[in-house]
Amino acid sequence: MNRSFQIGLTVVLLAAALLCSVPVAAAAYQARAPDYQCAISQQIPDGAVRELGASGSFSVWPVGLQCRYLDANGLELIMSPGWFATGLGIGSLTAVVALTALSTVALVRSLQSRGHELDPPGGHELFR
């Protein structure tokens, strides 16, 4: 793997990680005031009575704001945050893992090309 390809792949993986993490951060930011966000939400479920109030909480799986509404009979209706932000978060983590693996491979090859030999079982570095 040549140097320019490594740099290009690193830039692409960093961009993917950053772009995928933006919706996850937005979902966490939105959940800072969950009751207010749910009260002004345009996506209330059918049958929910907005005047009875709404409560919200941050959901870890799937990532985002989970809202609870009441219907006319007092039954609780729950609006899940959906899987979009969760999917992007998984994509971001995958890009970070790939970037870490790429960096590790590049570091090992760099050390080997400088005349160092790595001894994986013992974990010691031997000089030629």
C-alpha atoms as a PDB file:
ATOM      1  CA  MET A   1       0.000   0.000   0.000  1.00  0.00           C
ATOM      2  CA  ASN A   2       1.679   3.219  -1.095  1.00  0.00           C
ATOM      3  CA  ARG A   3       1.810   6.394   0.955  1.00  0.00           C
ATOM      4  CA  SER A   4      -0.644   8.493  -1.100  1.00  0.00           C
ATOM      5  CA  PHE A   5      -3.254   5.717  -0.948  1.00  0.00           C
ATOM      6  CA  GLN A   6      -2.868   5.523   2.843  1.00  0.00           C
ATOM      7  CA  ILE A   7      -3.292   9.273   3.194  1.00  0.00           C
ATOM      8  CA  GLY A   8      -6.334   9.297   0.913  1.00  0.00           C
ATOM      9  CA  LEU A   9      -7.948   6.402   2.761  1.00  0.00           C
ATOM     10  CA  THR A  10      -7.251   8.086   6.105  1.00  0.00           C
ATOM     11  CA  VAL A  11      -8.917  11.304   4.939  1.00  0.00           C
ATOM     12  CA  VAL A  12     -11.950   9.397   3.635  1.00  0.00           C
ATOM     13  CA  LEU A  13     -12.318   7.428   6.890  1.00  0.00           C
ATOM     14  CA  LEU A  14     -11.961  10.569   9.018  1.00  0.00           C
ATOM     15  CA  ALA A  15     -14.579  12.368   6.917  1.00  0.00           C
ATOM     16  CA  ALA A  16     -16.939   9.397   7.181  1.00  0.00           C
ATOM     17  CA  ALA A  17     -16.494   9.229  10.948  1.00  0.00           C
ATOM     18  CA  LEU A  18     -17.157  12.953  11.344  1.00  0.00           C
ATOM     19  CA  LEU A  19     -20.138  13.050   8.994  1.00  0.00           C
ATOM     20  CA  CYS A  20     -21.757  10.009  10.563  1.00  0.00           C
ATOM     21  CA  SER A  21     -21.315  11.349  14.085  1.00  0.00           C
ATOM     22  CA  VAL A  22     -23.114  14.655  13.404  1.00  0.00           C
ATOM     23  CA  PRO A  23     -26.689  13.217  13.576  1.00  0.00           C
ATOM     24  CA  VAL A  24     -25.786  11.263  16.717  1.00  0.00           C
ATOM     25  CA  ALA A  25     -24.526  14.445  18.375  1.00  0.00           C
ATOM     26  CA  ALA A  26     -27.661  16.286  17.228  1.00  0.00           C
ATOM     27  CA  ALA A  27     -29.874  13.592  18.766  1.00  0.00           C
ATOM     28  CA  ALA A  28     -27.995  13.870  22.062  1.00  0.00           C
ATOM     29  CA  TYR A  29     -28.248  17.678  21.954  1.00  0.00           C
ATOM     30  CA  GLN A  30     -31.986  17.531  21.248  1.00  0.00           C
ATOM     31  CA  ALA A  31     -32.501  15.257  24.259  1.00  0.00           C
ATOM     32  CA  ARG A  32     -31.042  17.868  26.645  1.00  0.00           C
ATOM     33  CA  ALA A  33     -34.553  19.259  27.200  1.00  0.00           C
ATOM     34  CA  PRO A  34     -36.609  16.161  26.381  1.00  0.00           C
ATOM     35  CA  ASP A  35     -39.978  17.237  27.805  1.00  0.00           C
ATOM     36  CA  TYR A  36     -39.885  20.529  25.926  1.00  0.00           C
ATOM     37  CA  GLN A  37     -38.753  18.910  22.675  1.00  0.00           C
ATOM     38  CA  CYS A  38     -41.548  16.339  22.863  1.00  0.00           C
ATOM     39  CA  ALA A  39     -44.136  19.025  23.664  1.00  0.00           C
ATOM     40  CA  ILE A  40     -43.286  21.016  20.525  1.00  0.00           C
ATOM     41  CA  SER A  41     -42.745  17.963  18.297  1.00  0.00           C
ATOM     42  CA  GLN A  42     -44.689  17.800  15.048  1.00  0.00           C
ATOM     43  CA  GLN A  43     -44.656  13.998  15.085  1.00  0.00           C
ATOM     44  CA  ILE A  44     -47.174  13.047  17.734  1.00  0.00           C
ATOM     45  CA  PRO A  45     -48.845   9.651  17.311  1.00  0.00           C
ATOM     46  CA  ASP A  46     -52.458   9.294  16.210  1.00  0.00           C
ATOM     47  CA  GLY A  47     -54.787   9.488  19.184  1.00  0.00           C
ATOM     48  CA  ALA A  48     -52.397  11.400  21.423  1.00  0.00           C
ATOM     49  CA  VAL A  49     -53.789  14.463  23.162  1.00  0.00           C
ATOM     50  CA  ARG A  50     -51.159  17.202  23.211  1.00  0.00           C
ATOM     51  CA  GLU A  51     -52.940  19.040  26.040  1.00  0.00           C
ATOM     52  CA  LEU A  52     -52.356  16.096  28.389  1.00  0.00           C
ATOM     53  CA  GLY A  53     -48.642  16.774  28.128  1.00  0.00           C
ATOM     54  CA  ALA A  54     -45.645  14.881  26.931  1.00  0.00           C
ATOM     55  CA  SER A  55     -42.551  13.518  28.548  1.00  0.00           C
ATOM     56  CA  GLY A  56     -39.315  12.559  26.948  1.00  0.00           C
ATOM     57  CA  SER A  57     -36.045  10.848  27.621  1.00  0.00           C
ATOM     58  CA  PHE A  58     -32.815  10.078  25.830  1.00  0.00           C
ATOM     59  CA  SER A  59     -32.803   6.580  24.399  1.00  0.00           C
ATOM     60  CA  VAL A  60     -29.463   4.813  24.066  1.00  0.00           C
ATOM     61  CA  TRP A  61     -30.791   2.074  21.737  1.00  0.00           C
ATOM     62  CA  PRO A  62     -31.894   3.304  19.253  1.00  0.00           C
ATOM     63  CA  VAL A  63     -30.076   6.597  19.809  1.00  0.00           C
ATOM     64  CA  GLY A  64     -32.263   9.677  20.087  1.00  0.00           C
ATOM     65  CA  LEU A  65     -35.211  11.287  21.807  1.00  0.00           C
ATOM     66  CA  GLN A  66     -38.025   8.995  22.948  1.00  0.00           C
ATOM     67  CA  CYS A  67     -41.347  10.754  23.613  1.00  0.00           C
ATOM     68  CA  ARG A  68     -44.300   9.548  25.682  1.00  0.00           C
ATOM     69  CA  TYR A  69     -47.788  10.926  25.114  1.00  0.00           C
ATOM     70  CA  LEU A  70     -51.187  10.145  26.613  1.00  0.00           C
ATOM     71  CA  ASP A  71     -54.345   9.422  24.662  1.00  0.00           C
ATOM     72  CA  ALA A  72     -57.905  10.373  25.724  1.00  0.00           C
ATOM     73  CA  ASN A  73     -58.220   7.131  27.752  1.00  0.00           C
ATOM     74  CA  GLY A  74     -54.982   7.732  29.655  1.00  0.00           C
ATOM     75  CA  LEU A  75     -52.990   5.094  27.788  1.00  0.00           C
ATOM     76  CA  GLU A  76     -49.339   5.877  27.162  1.00  0.00           C
ATOM     77  CA  LEU A  77     -48.211   6.153  23.526  1.00  0.00           C
ATOM     78  CA  ILE A  78     -44.463   5.974  22.879  1.00  0.00           C
ATOM     79  CA  MET A  79     -42.679   7.467  19.877  1.00  0.00           C
ATOM     80  CA  SER A  80     -39.344   5.760  19.285  1.00  0.00           C
ATOM     81  CA  PRO A  81     -36.481   7.867  17.894  1.00  0.00           C
ATOM     82  CA  GLY A  82     -35.957   5.596  14.891  1.00  0.00           C
ATOM     83  CA  TRP A  83     -32.816   3.922  13.613  1.00  0.00           C
ATOM     84  CA  PHE A  84     -31.268   6.604  11.383  1.00  0.00           C
ATOM     85  CA  ALA A  85     -28.965   8.162  13.989  1.00  0.00           C
ATOM     86  CA  THR A  86     -28.117   4.723  15.378  1.00  0.00           C
ATOM     87  CA  GLY A  87     -27.123   3.471  11.934  1.00  0.00           C
ATOM     88  CA  LEU A  88     -24.925   6.504  11.373  1.00  0.00           C
ATOM     89  CA  GLY A  89     -23.356   6.047  14.791  1.00  0.00           C
ATOM     90  CA  ILE A  90     -22.485   2.457  13.917  1.00  0.00           C
ATOM     91  CA  GLY A  91     -21.032   3.686  10.616  1.00  0.00           C
ATOM     92  CA  SER A  92     -18.946   6.233  12.476  1.00  0.00           C
ATOM     93  CA  LEU A  93     -17.589   3.614  14.872  1.00  0.00           C
ATOM     94  CA  THR A  94     -16.796   1.315  11.951  1.00  0.00           C
ATOM     95  CA  ALA A  95     -14.834   4.101  10.252  1.00  0.00           C
ATOM     96  CA  VAL A  96     -12.892   4.779  13.467  1.00  0.00           C
ATOM     97  CA  VAL A  97     -12.039   1.066  13.856  1.00  0.00           C
ATOM     98  CA  ALA A  98     -10.894   0.907  10.221  1.00  0.00           C
ATOM     99  CA  LEU A  99      -8.800   4.033  10.717  1.00  0.00           C
ATOM    100  CA  THR A 100      -7.196   2.527  13.819  1.00  0.00           C
ATOM    101  CA  ALA A 101      -6.403  -0.695  11.953  1.00  0.00           C
ATOM    102  CA  LEU A 102      -4.937   1.252   9.029  1.00  0.00           C
ATOM    103  CA  SER A 103      -2.781   3.338  11.365  1.00  0.00           C
ATOM    104  CA  THR A 104      -1.540   0.231  13.166  1.00  0.00           C
ATOM    105  CA  VAL A 105      -0.594  -1.470   9.901  1.00  0.00           C
ATOM    106  CA  ALA A 106       1.186   1.676   8.688  1.00  0.00           C
ATOM    107  CA  LEU A 107       3.091   1.996  11.986  1.00  0.00           C
ATOM    108  CA  VAL A 108       4.224  -1.642  11.928  1.00  0.00           C
ATOM    109  CA  ARG A 109       5.388  -1.361   8.314  1.00  0.00           C
ATOM    110  CA  SER A 110       7.186   1.887   9.081  1.00  0.00           C
ATOM    111  CA  LEU A 111       9.037   0.306  12.011  1.00  0.00           C
ATOM    112  CA  GLN A 112       9.966  -2.719   9.912  1.00  0.00           C
ATOM    113  CA  SER A 113      11.261  -0.558   7.062  1.00  0.00           C
ATOM    114  CA  ARG A 114      13.513   1.354   9.482  1.00  0.00           C
ATOM    115  CA  GLY A 115      15.340  -1.812  10.423  1.00  0.00           C
ATOM    116  CA  HIS A 116      13.381  -2.860  13.490  1.00  0.00           C
ATOM    117  CA  GLU A 117      12.007  -6.311  13.853  1.00  0.00           C
ATOM    118  CA  LEU A 118       8.892  -6.849  15.908  1.00  0.00           C
ATOM    119  CA  ASP A 119       8.519  -9.927  18.072  1.00  0.00           C
ATOM    120  CA  PRO A 120       4.721 -10.299  18.465  1.00  0.00           C
ATOM    121  CA  PRO A 121       4.663 -13.191  21.003  1.00  0.00           C
ATOM    122  CA  GLY A 122       7.045 -11.525  23.456  1.00  0.00           C
ATOM    123  CA  GLY A 123       6.036  -7.991  22.571  1.00  0.00           C
ATOM    124  CA  HIS A 124       9.683  -6.858  22.568  1.00  0.00           C
ATOM    125  CA  GLU A 125      11.419  -4.917  19.865  1.00  0.00           C
ATOM    126  CA  LEU A 126      14.705  -6.332  18.605  1.00  0.00           C
ATOM    127  CA  PHE A 127      17.221  -4.279  16.656  1.00  0.00           C
ATOM    128  CA  ARG A 128      19.196  -5.825  13.811  1.00  0.00           C
END
